[in-house]
């Protein structure tokens, strides 16, 4: 028991901020905090010192669900078997530029 490592860190929270109303939230980093109010205060103290954000989100890191590298193939494969998802049934007028870059 003397060799057991005790976790003394608070929970990890991911921080997102928005610069203006209607713009996307951008991941800023993370903070440690014991609860959501402390996480918001820590996020403000760390990430809002230089630029005043319009809004901030804090999300417990363990609440985020993500794909794994092994999911890359099957999870992101396009629906080629669903012809209705592809605009193959429309006639395109002459002179229409299809180069979408």
C-alpha atoms as a PDB file:
ATOM      1  CA  UNK A   1       0.000   0.000   0.000  1.00  0.00           C
ATOM      2  CA  UNK A   2       2.907   2.362   0.591  1.00  0.00           C
ATOM      3  CA  UNK A   3       3.850   2.204  -3.106  1.00  0.00           C
ATOM      4  CA  UNK A   4       0.364   3.095  -4.389  1.00  0.00           C
ATOM      5  CA  UNK A   5       0.220   6.307  -6.390  1.00  0.00           C
ATOM      6  CA  UNK A   6      -2.627   8.573  -5.325  1.00  0.00           C
ATOM      7  CA  UNK A   7      -4.184  10.827  -7.969  1.00  0.00           C
ATOM      8  CA  UNK A   8      -4.150  14.346  -6.552  1.00  0.00           C
ATOM      9  CA  UNK A   9      -5.208  16.150  -9.749  1.00  0.00           C
ATOM     10  CA  UNK A  10      -8.630  17.703 -10.112  1.00  0.00           C
ATOM     11  CA  UNK A  11     -10.776  16.750 -13.091  1.00  0.00           C
ATOM     12  CA  UNK A  12      -9.623  17.899 -16.512  1.00  0.00           C
ATOM     13  CA  UNK A  13     -11.912  20.294 -18.457  1.00  0.00           C
ATOM     14  CA  UNK A  14     -11.639  21.283 -22.136  1.00  0.00           C
ATOM     15  CA  UNK A  15     -12.043  25.006 -22.818  1.00  0.00           C
ATOM     16  CA  UNK A  16     -13.714  26.507 -25.901  1.00  0.00           C
ATOM     17  CA  UNK A  17     -14.219  30.198 -26.587  1.00  0.00           C
ATOM     18  CA  UNK A  18     -16.183  32.291 -29.043  1.00  0.00           C
ATOM     19  CA  UNK A  19     -14.835  35.679 -30.180  1.00  0.00           C
ATOM     20  CA  UNK A  20     -18.100  37.164 -31.509  1.00  0.00           C
ATOM     21  CA  UNK A  21     -21.736  36.162 -31.500  1.00  0.00           C
ATOM     22  CA  UNK A  22     -22.461  33.714 -34.308  1.00  0.00           C
ATOM     23  CA  UNK A  23     -18.843  32.628 -34.821  1.00  0.00           C
ATOM     24  CA  UNK A  24     -17.688  29.083 -34.093  1.00  0.00           C
ATOM     25  CA  UNK A  25     -16.295  28.075 -30.721  1.00  0.00           C
ATOM     26  CA  UNK A  26     -12.571  27.322 -30.857  1.00  0.00           C
ATOM     27  CA  UNK A  27     -10.723  24.916 -28.568  1.00  0.00           C
ATOM     28  CA  UNK A  28      -8.326  26.899 -26.394  1.00  0.00           C
ATOM     29  CA  UNK A  29      -6.830  24.172 -24.216  1.00  0.00           C
ATOM     30  CA  UNK A  30      -7.706  22.638 -20.885  1.00  0.00           C
ATOM     31  CA  UNK A  31      -7.751  23.374 -17.170  1.00  0.00           C
ATOM     32  CA  UNK A  32      -8.000  21.343 -13.990  1.00  0.00           C
ATOM     33  CA  UNK A  33     -10.900  22.121 -11.657  1.00  0.00           C
ATOM     34  CA  UNK A  34     -12.983  20.494  -8.960  1.00  0.00           C
ATOM     35  CA  UNK A  35     -16.363  21.576 -10.391  1.00  0.00           C
ATOM     36  CA  UNK A  36     -17.939  23.422 -13.330  1.00  0.00           C
ATOM     37  CA  UNK A  37     -17.933  26.861 -11.699  1.00  0.00           C
ATOM     38  CA  UNK A  38     -14.246  26.563 -10.842  1.00  0.00           C
ATOM     39  CA  UNK A  39     -13.553  25.296 -14.360  1.00  0.00           C
ATOM     40  CA  UNK A  40     -15.171  28.413 -15.861  1.00  0.00           C
ATOM     41  CA  UNK A  41     -13.234  30.695 -13.511  1.00  0.00           C
ATOM     42  CA  UNK A  42      -9.944  28.909 -14.235  1.00  0.00           C
ATOM     43  CA  UNK A  43     -10.658  29.038 -17.980  1.00  0.00           C
ATOM     44  CA  UNK A  44     -11.353  32.764 -17.745  1.00  0.00           C
ATOM     45  CA  UNK A  45      -8.162  33.357 -15.748  1.00  0.00           C
ATOM     46  CA  UNK A  46      -6.005  31.375 -18.176  1.00  0.00           C
ATOM     47  CA  UNK A  47      -7.550  31.984 -21.606  1.00  0.00           C
ATOM     48  CA  UNK A  48      -9.279  35.375 -21.370  1.00  0.00           C
ATOM     49  CA  UNK A  49      -6.357  37.463 -20.131  1.00  0.00           C
ATOM     50  CA  UNK A  50      -5.318  38.899 -23.480  1.00  0.00           C
ATOM     51  CA  UNK A  51      -8.503  38.842 -25.544  1.00  0.00           C
ATOM     52  CA  UNK A  52     -11.970  39.167 -24.106  1.00  0.00           C
ATOM     53  CA  UNK A  53     -14.118  36.370 -25.536  1.00  0.00           C
ATOM     54  CA  UNK A  54     -17.812  36.749 -26.232  1.00  0.00           C
ATOM     55  CA  UNK A  55     -18.571  33.372 -24.582  1.00  0.00           C
ATOM     56  CA  UNK A  56     -16.777  30.348 -23.120  1.00  0.00           C
ATOM     57  CA  UNK A  57     -17.615  26.669 -22.762  1.00  0.00           C
ATOM     58  CA  UNK A  58     -16.003  24.188 -20.395  1.00  0.00           C
ATOM     59  CA  UNK A  59     -16.599  20.488 -20.916  1.00  0.00           C
ATOM     60  CA  UNK A  60     -15.345  17.623 -18.747  1.00  0.00           C
ATOM     61  CA  UNK A  61     -12.750  15.810 -20.828  1.00  0.00           C
ATOM     62  CA  UNK A  62     -14.191  12.430 -19.850  1.00  0.00           C
ATOM     63  CA  UNK A  63     -17.562  13.470 -21.365  1.00  0.00           C
ATOM     64  CA  UNK A  64     -16.149  13.888 -24.860  1.00  0.00           C
ATOM     65  CA  UNK A  65     -16.827  11.014 -27.230  1.00  0.00           C
ATOM     66  CA  UNK A  66     -14.527  10.617 -30.221  1.00  0.00           C
ATOM     67  CA  UNK A  67     -13.620   8.178 -32.930  1.00  0.00           C
ATOM     68  CA  UNK A  68     -10.565   5.971 -32.638  1.00  0.00           C
ATOM     69  CA  UNK A  69      -7.874   5.526 -35.320  1.00  0.00           C
ATOM     70  CA  UNK A  70      -9.231   2.012 -36.015  1.00  0.00           C
ATOM     71  CA  UNK A  71     -12.621   3.573 -36.900  1.00  0.00           C
ATOM     72  CA  UNK A  72     -11.183   5.626 -39.776  1.00  0.00           C
ATOM     73  CA  UNK A  73     -12.187   3.204 -42.530  1.00  0.00           C
ATOM     74  CA  UNK A  74     -15.692   1.983 -41.753  1.00  0.00           C
ATOM     75  CA  UNK A  75     -16.886   5.016 -39.800  1.00  0.00           C
ATOM     76  CA  UNK A  76     -15.988   7.589 -42.451  1.00  0.00           C
ATOM     77  CA  UNK A  77     -16.641   5.573 -45.604  1.00  0.00           C
ATOM     78  CA  UNK A  78     -19.006   7.436 -47.925  1.00  0.00           C
ATOM     79  CA  UNK A  79     -22.443   6.091 -48.715  1.00  0.00           C
ATOM     80  CA  UNK A  80     -21.608   5.011 -52.285  1.00  0.00           C
ATOM     81  CA  UNK A  81     -24.352   2.421 -52.129  1.00  0.00           C
ATOM     82  CA  UNK A  82     -26.963   5.178 -51.755  1.00  0.00           C
ATOM     83  CA  UNK A  83     -27.343   6.621 -55.230  1.00  0.00           C
ATOM     84  CA  UNK A  84     -29.854   9.221 -54.078  1.00  0.00           C
ATOM     85  CA  UNK A  85     -27.043  11.036 -52.247  1.00  0.00           C
ATOM     86  CA  UNK A  86     -25.223  11.805 -55.486  1.00  0.00           C
ATOM     87  CA  UNK A  87     -26.533  14.349 -58.007  1.00  0.00           C
ATOM     88  CA  UNK A  88     -26.340  12.000 -60.983  1.00  0.00           C
ATOM     89  CA  UNK A  89     -29.917  12.477 -62.106  1.00  0.00           C
ATOM     90  CA  UNK A  90     -29.790  16.158 -62.997  1.00  0.00           C
ATOM     91  CA  UNK A  91     -29.106  17.647 -66.385  1.00  0.00           C
ATOM     92  CA  UNK A  92     -26.494  20.389 -66.350  1.00  0.00           C
ATOM     93  CA  UNK A  93     -26.882  23.315 -68.705  1.00  0.00           C
ATOM     94  CA  UNK A  94     -24.098  24.122 -71.134  1.00  0.00           C
ATOM     95  CA  UNK A  95     -21.638  26.685 -69.874  1.00  0.00           C
ATOM     96  CA  UNK A  96     -22.011  25.793 -66.197  1.00  0.00           C
ATOM     97  CA  UNK A  97     -18.618  25.567 -64.531  1.00  0.00           C
ATOM     98  CA  UNK A  98     -18.416  22.461 -62.342  1.00  0.00           C
ATOM     99  CA  UNK A  99     -14.968  23.284 -60.993  1.00  0.00           C
ATOM    100  CA  UNK A 100     -15.719  23.901 -57.297  1.00  0.00           C
ATOM    101  CA  UNK A 101     -12.453  24.968 -55.705  1.00  0.00           C
END
